[in-house]
Amino acid sequence: METEDFLRVINEFDFIRDDIIEIKGQLRLTKSEAKMISRAIVTVEEARNILVELFPRIESLDIEVREDLEAELMDVE
């Protein structure tokens, strides 16, 4: 796998989070609905953060890919 494959996954999480936030802002939600959407946003962010931490540490990846990921993802968190 290439560094770009992993970065694409991280970027997809960003797009999903942004889309959920946009939907939340466009709808009139009950307090319960707003709370659930906010929880979904936090969950997406948590999953993204887990992958940002995990990807550069996957031992089966070539060392070059791991080093590239570490450099690229250092500022992403």
N, C-alpha and C. Protein backbone atom coordinates (compact mmCIF):
# COMPACT_ATOMS: atom_id res chain seq x y z
N MET A 1 0.84 -1.18 0.00
CA MET A 1 0.00 0.00 0.00
C MET A 1 0.89 1.24 0.00
N GLU A 2 0.33 2.31 -0.55
CA GLU A 2 1.06 3.56 -0.65
C GLU A 2 0.60 4.55 0.41
N THR A 3 1.44 5.50 0.72
CA THR A 3 1.12 6.54 1.69
C THR A 3 -0.20 7.23 1.33
N GLU A 4 -0.40 7.49 0.05
CA GLU A 4 -1.59 8.20 -0.41
C GLU A 4 -2.88 7.46 -0.06
N ASP A 5 -2.83 6.13 -0.05
CA ASP A 5 -4.01 5.33 0.31
C ASP A 5 -4.44 5.62 1.75
N PHE A 6 -3.48 5.70 2.63
CA PHE A 6 -3.78 5.96 4.03
C PHE A 6 -4.23 7.40 4.25
N LEU A 7 -3.60 8.32 3.56
CA LEU A 7 -3.99 9.73 3.69
C LEU A 7 -5.39 9.96 3.14
N ARG A 8 -5.75 9.24 2.09
CA ARG A 8 -7.11 9.35 1.54
C ARG A 8 -8.15 8.93 2.58
N VAL A 9 -7.86 7.87 3.32
CA VAL A 9 -8.78 7.42 4.37
C VAL A 9 -8.97 8.51 5.42
N ILE A 10 -7.87 9.10 5.85
CA ILE A 10 -7.94 10.18 6.85
C ILE A 10 -8.76 11.34 6.31
N ASN A 11 -8.52 11.71 5.06
CA ASN A 11 -9.27 12.81 4.45
C ASN A 11 -10.76 12.50 4.34
N GLU A 12 -11.10 11.24 4.09
CA GLU A 12 -12.51 10.85 4.02
C GLU A 12 -13.20 11.09 5.37
N PHE A 13 -12.51 10.80 6.46
CA PHE A 13 -13.07 11.09 7.78
C PHE A 13 -13.36 12.57 7.94
N ASP A 14 -12.44 13.41 7.45
CA ASP A 14 -12.64 14.86 7.53
C ASP A 14 -13.87 15.28 6.73
N PHE A 15 -14.02 14.72 5.52
CA PHE A 15 -15.18 15.06 4.70
C PHE A 15 -16.48 14.60 5.35
N ILE A 16 -16.48 13.41 5.91
CA ILE A 16 -17.69 12.89 6.57
C ILE A 16 -18.05 13.78 7.76
N ARG A 17 -17.07 14.11 8.59
CA ARG A 17 -17.33 14.99 9.73
C ARG A 17 -17.90 16.32 9.28
N ASP A 18 -17.28 16.92 8.26
CA ASP A 18 -17.75 18.21 7.76
C ASP A 18 -19.16 18.11 7.19
N ASP A 19 -19.47 17.02 6.51
CA ASP A 19 -20.82 16.83 5.97
C ASP A 19 -21.85 16.70 7.08
N ILE A 20 -21.50 15.97 8.13
CA ILE A 20 -22.42 15.82 9.26
C ILE A 20 -22.66 17.18 9.92
N ILE A 21 -21.61 17.95 10.10
CA ILE A 21 -21.74 19.28 10.71
C ILE A 21 -22.62 20.17 9.83
N GLU A 22 -22.44 20.08 8.52
CA GLU A 22 -23.26 20.87 7.60
C GLU A 22 -24.73 20.47 7.69
N ILE A 23 -24.99 19.18 7.72
CA ILE A 23 -26.37 18.70 7.86
C ILE A 23 -26.97 19.20 9.17
N LYS A 24 -26.19 19.09 10.24
CA LYS A 24 -26.66 19.54 11.55
C LYS A 24 -27.06 21.02 11.52
N GLY A 25 -26.26 21.82 10.82
CA GLY A 25 -26.54 23.25 10.75
C GLY A 25 -27.74 23.61 9.88
N GLN A 26 -28.14 22.72 9.00
CA GLN A 26 -29.23 23.01 8.07
C GLN A 26 -30.59 22.52 8.56
N LEU A 27 -30.59 21.75 9.61
CA LEU A 27 -31.85 21.17 10.09
C LEU A 27 -32.24 21.74 11.44
N ARG A 28 -33.53 21.77 11.64
CA ARG A 28 -34.04 22.09 12.98
C ARG A 28 -34.17 20.77 13.72
N LEU A 29 -33.34 20.59 14.70
CA LEU A 29 -33.29 19.32 15.41
C LEU A 29 -33.80 19.48 16.83
N THR A 30 -34.38 18.40 17.31
CA THR A 30 -34.74 18.39 18.72
C THR A 30 -33.45 18.30 19.52
N LYS A 31 -33.55 18.55 20.79
CA LYS A 31 -32.38 18.47 21.66
C LYS A 31 -31.76 17.07 21.60
N SER A 32 -32.60 16.06 21.59
CA SER A 32 -32.15 14.68 21.53
C SER A 32 -31.45 14.39 20.21
N GLU A 33 -32.02 14.85 19.11
CA GLU A 33 -31.42 14.63 17.79
C GLU A 33 -30.08 15.35 17.67
N ALA A 34 -30.02 16.58 18.15
CA ALA A 34 -28.77 17.35 18.11
C ALA A 34 -27.69 16.65 18.93
N LYS A 35 -28.09 16.11 20.06
CA LYS A 35 -27.15 15.40 20.92
C LYS A 35 -26.61 14.15 20.22
N MET A 36 -27.49 13.43 19.53
CA MET A 36 -27.06 12.22 18.83
C MET A 36 -26.12 12.55 17.67
N ILE A 37 -26.42 13.62 16.93
CA ILE A 37 -25.54 14.01 15.83
C ILE A 37 -24.19 14.47 16.38
N SER A 38 -24.21 15.20 17.46
CA SER A 38 -22.95 15.64 18.08
C SER A 38 -22.14 14.43 18.53
N ARG A 39 -22.81 13.43 19.05
CA ARG A 39 -22.13 12.20 19.46
C ARG A 39 -21.53 11.49 18.24
N ALA A 40 -22.25 11.51 17.12
CA ALA A 40 -21.73 10.89 15.90
C ALA A 40 -20.48 11.63 15.42
N ILE A 41 -20.50 12.96 15.51
CA ILE A 41 -19.33 13.75 15.09
C ILE A 41 -18.13 13.40 15.96
N VAL A 42 -18.34 13.31 17.25
CA VAL A 42 -17.24 12.95 18.17
C VAL A 42 -16.72 11.55 17.85
N THR A 43 -17.61 10.63 17.54
CA THR A 43 -17.21 9.27 17.23
C THR A 43 -16.37 9.22 15.95
N VAL A 44 -16.77 9.97 14.94
CA VAL A 44 -15.99 10.04 13.70
C VAL A 44 -14.61 10.61 13.99
N GLU A 45 -14.55 11.66 14.79
CA GLU A 45 -13.26 12.28 15.15
C GLU A 45 -12.39 11.29 15.93
N GLU A 46 -12.98 10.55 16.83
CA GLU A 46 -12.21 9.57 17.61
C GLU A 46 -11.66 8.47 16.71
N ALA A 47 -12.48 7.97 15.79
CA ALA A 47 -12.03 6.92 14.87
C ALA A 47 -10.89 7.44 14.00
N ARG A 48 -11.01 8.66 13.53
CA ARG A 48 -9.96 9.29 12.72
C ARG A 48 -8.66 9.39 13.51
N ASN A 49 -8.76 9.83 14.75
CA ASN A 49 -7.57 9.98 15.60
C ASN A 49 -6.90 8.63 15.87
N ILE A 50 -7.69 7.60 16.04
CA ILE A 50 -7.13 6.25 16.24
C ILE A 50 -6.32 5.85 15.02
N LEU A 51 -6.88 6.08 13.82
CA LEU A 51 -6.19 5.70 12.60
C LEU A 51 -4.94 6.55 12.35
N VAL A 52 -5.01 7.82 12.69
CA VAL A 52 -3.83 8.69 12.55
C VAL A 52 -2.69 8.15 13.41
N GLU A 53 -3.03 7.67 14.58
CA GLU A 53 -2.01 7.11 15.47
C GLU A 53 -1.55 5.72 15.00
N LEU A 54 -2.48 4.92 14.50
CA LEU A 54 -2.17 3.54 14.13
C LEU A 54 -1.39 3.41 12.83
N PHE A 55 -1.80 4.12 11.80
CA PHE A 55 -1.24 3.90 10.47
C PHE A 55 0.28 3.92 10.43
N PRO A 56 0.96 4.90 11.03
CA PRO A 56 2.43 4.90 10.95
C PRO A 56 3.09 3.79 11.77
N ARG A 57 2.31 3.10 12.57
CA ARG A 57 2.87 2.05 13.44
C ARG A 57 2.63 0.64 12.93
N ILE A 58 1.97 0.50 11.79
CA ILE A 58 1.68 -0.84 11.27
C ILE A 58 2.99 -1.48 10.82
N GLU A 59 3.37 -2.51 11.52
CA GLU A 59 4.69 -3.13 11.33
C GLU A 59 4.84 -3.77 9.96
N SER A 60 3.78 -4.23 9.36
CA SER A 60 3.90 -4.92 8.08
C SER A 60 4.10 -3.97 6.90
N LEU A 61 4.01 -2.67 7.13
CA LEU A 61 4.25 -1.70 6.06
C LEU A 61 5.74 -1.51 5.84
N ASP A 62 6.09 -1.16 4.61
CA ASP A 62 7.49 -0.83 4.32
C ASP A 62 7.90 0.34 5.20
N ILE A 63 9.14 0.35 5.58
CA ILE A 63 9.65 1.40 6.47
C ILE A 63 9.47 2.78 5.84
N GLU A 64 9.65 2.86 4.52
CA GLU A 64 9.49 4.15 3.84
C GLU A 64 8.07 4.68 3.97
N VAL A 65 7.10 3.79 3.83
CA VAL A 65 5.69 4.20 3.95
C VAL A 65 5.41 4.63 5.38
N ARG A 66 5.92 3.89 6.34
CA ARG A 66 5.70 4.26 7.74
C ARG A 66 6.32 5.62 8.05
N GLU A 67 7.52 5.86 7.54
CA GLU A 67 8.17 7.14 7.78
C GLU A 67 7.41 8.28 7.10
N ASP A 68 6.94 8.04 5.87
CA ASP A 68 6.15 9.05 5.17
C ASP A 68 4.86 9.35 5.92
N LEU A 69 4.20 8.31 6.39
CA LEU A 69 2.96 8.51 7.15
C LEU A 69 3.22 9.28 8.43
N GLU A 70 4.28 8.92 9.12
CA GLU A 70 4.60 9.62 10.35
C GLU A 70 4.81 11.11 10.09
N ALA A 71 5.54 11.42 9.03
CA ALA A 71 5.80 12.82 8.68
C ALA A 71 4.52 13.53 8.26
N GLU A 72 3.72 12.89 7.44
CA GLU A 72 2.49 13.51 6.92
C GLU A 72 1.44 13.69 8.02
N LEU A 73 1.36 12.74 8.92
CA LEU A 73 0.30 12.76 9.93
C LEU A 73 0.71 13.45 11.23
N MET A 74 1.95 13.87 11.33
CA MET A 74 2.42 14.51 12.55
C MET A 74 1.58 15.73 12.90
N ASP A 75 1.24 16.53 11.93
CA ASP A 75 0.51 17.78 12.16
C ASP A 75 -1.00 17.62 12.03
N VAL A 76 -1.46 16.43 11.72
CA VAL A 76 -2.88 16.21 11.45
C VAL A 76 -3.70 16.11 12.72
N GLU A 77 -3.14 15.60 13.76
CA GLU A 77 -3.90 15.37 14.99
C GLU A 77 -4.41 16.69 15.49
